[in-house]
Protein backbone atom coordinates (compact mmCIF):
# COMPACT_ATOMS: atom_id res chain seq x y z
CA MET A 1 12.17 -18.45 19.44
CA ALA A 2 10.56 -15.23 20.60
CA LEU A 3 10.37 -12.25 18.32
CA LYS A 4 12.75 -9.39 19.02
CA ILE A 5 12.55 -5.97 17.37
CA THR A 6 15.23 -3.33 17.74
CA GLN A 7 15.04 0.20 16.37
CA LYS A 8 17.81 2.51 15.23
CA LYS A 9 16.29 5.66 13.74
CA GLU A 10 13.98 4.46 10.93
CA ILE A 11 15.42 0.95 10.79
CA PHE A 12 13.54 -1.81 12.60
CA SER A 13 15.63 -4.98 12.80
CA VAL A 14 13.55 -8.08 13.40
CA PHE A 15 14.95 -11.28 14.94
CA GLY A 16 13.18 -14.63 15.23
CA ILE A 17 9.97 -15.93 13.72
CA ILE A 18 6.98 -13.94 12.48
CA ASN A 19 4.17 -16.44 12.79
CA ASN A 20 0.65 -16.89 14.12
CA THR A 21 1.92 -16.40 17.69
CA THR A 22 4.01 -13.26 17.09
CA ALA A 23 2.42 -11.55 14.05
CA LEU A 24 -0.10 -9.38 15.89
CA ASN A 25 2.50 -8.11 18.38
CA PHE A 26 4.87 -7.43 15.47
CA GLN A 27 2.20 -5.51 13.56
CA ASN A 28 1.13 -3.49 16.60
CA HIS A 29 4.71 -2.63 17.59
CA ILE A 30 5.67 -1.45 14.10
CA SER A 31 2.40 0.44 13.60
CA LEU A 32 2.83 2.37 16.84
CA ALA A 33 6.52 3.08 16.28
CA MET A 34 6.07 4.20 12.66
CA LYS A 35 4.15 7.26 13.82
CA ASP A 36 7.49 8.77 14.88
CA VAL A 37 9.44 8.18 11.64
CA LYS A 38 9.26 9.63 8.13
CA GLU A 39 10.01 6.35 6.41
CA LEU A 40 10.00 2.77 7.57
CA ILE A 41 12.80 0.28 6.97
CA ILE A 42 12.18 -3.28 8.17
CA ASP A 43 15.27 -5.48 8.19
CA ILE A 44 14.23 -9.15 8.04
CA GLU A 45 17.77 -10.52 7.65
CA ASN A 46 17.54 -12.33 11.00
CA VAL A 47 13.99 -13.62 10.56
CA THR A 48 14.09 -17.39 10.16
CA THR A 49 10.43 -17.95 9.22
CA ILE A 50 7.47 -15.89 8.07
CA ASP A 51 4.18 -17.80 7.87
CA SER A 52 0.86 -16.66 6.40
CA ALA A 53 -0.03 -14.71 9.57
CA GLY A 54 3.34 -12.96 9.34
CA MET A 55 2.72 -12.05 5.72
CA LYS A 56 -0.72 -10.76 6.65
CA ALA A 57 0.92 -8.51 9.26
CA LEU A 58 3.46 -7.24 6.70
CA ARG A 59 0.64 -6.53 4.22
CA ALA A 60 -1.22 -4.56 6.92
CA ILE A 61 1.92 -2.55 7.75
CA TYR A 62 2.48 -1.92 4.03
CA ALA A 63 -1.14 -0.75 3.59
CA ASN A 64 -0.80 1.50 6.64
CA CYS A 65 2.31 3.09 5.12
CA MET A 66 0.56 3.66 1.79
CA THR A 67 -2.44 5.22 3.55
CA ASN A 68 -0.18 7.57 5.51
CA ASN A 69 2.13 8.40 2.57
CA LYS A 70 5.17 6.85 4.25
CA ARG A 71 7.87 5.07 2.33
CA ILE A 72 8.46 1.47 3.36
CA TYR A 73 11.50 -0.66 2.62
CA ILE A 74 11.87 -4.31 3.52
CA ILE A 75 15.48 -5.46 3.38
CA GLY A 76 17.37 -8.67 4.07
CA THR A 77 17.35 -12.26 2.91
CA GLY A 78 13.89 -13.25 1.75
CA CYS A 79 12.79 -9.72 0.88
CA LYS A 80 12.28 -10.72 -2.78
CA GLU A 81 9.57 -13.20 -1.79
CA VAL A 82 7.99 -10.60 0.51
CA TYR A 83 8.12 -8.01 -2.28
CA ASP A 84 6.53 -10.44 -4.73
CA ASP A 85 3.71 -11.13 -2.28
CA LEU A 86 3.13 -7.44 -1.55
CA TYR A 87 3.25 -6.54 -5.25
CA VAL A 88 0.75 -9.23 -6.23
CA THR A 89 -1.54 -8.23 -3.36
CA SER A 90 -1.43 -4.51 -4.22
CA VAL A 91 -2.02 -5.14 -7.94
CA ALA A 92 -4.98 -7.48 -7.36
């Protein structure tokens, strides 16, 4: 399944799979679009799979937000696992 991203104000709803094939496009799209918002909300409710490349993209987006003093929220089913990964990465 292809990756689809829709935007409504600061909320980016992601549909599909964030994997080795789609991760770079996902990261680039969010990074470009986040320049126009004060905070970033990524809704992963409709993401069926996130592999290691997808997590790497999310970590890069998270780091970009921290560097630019933007708040980032990741919501939806599976966000606890994403949070745990981001927290462990940022603490290490």
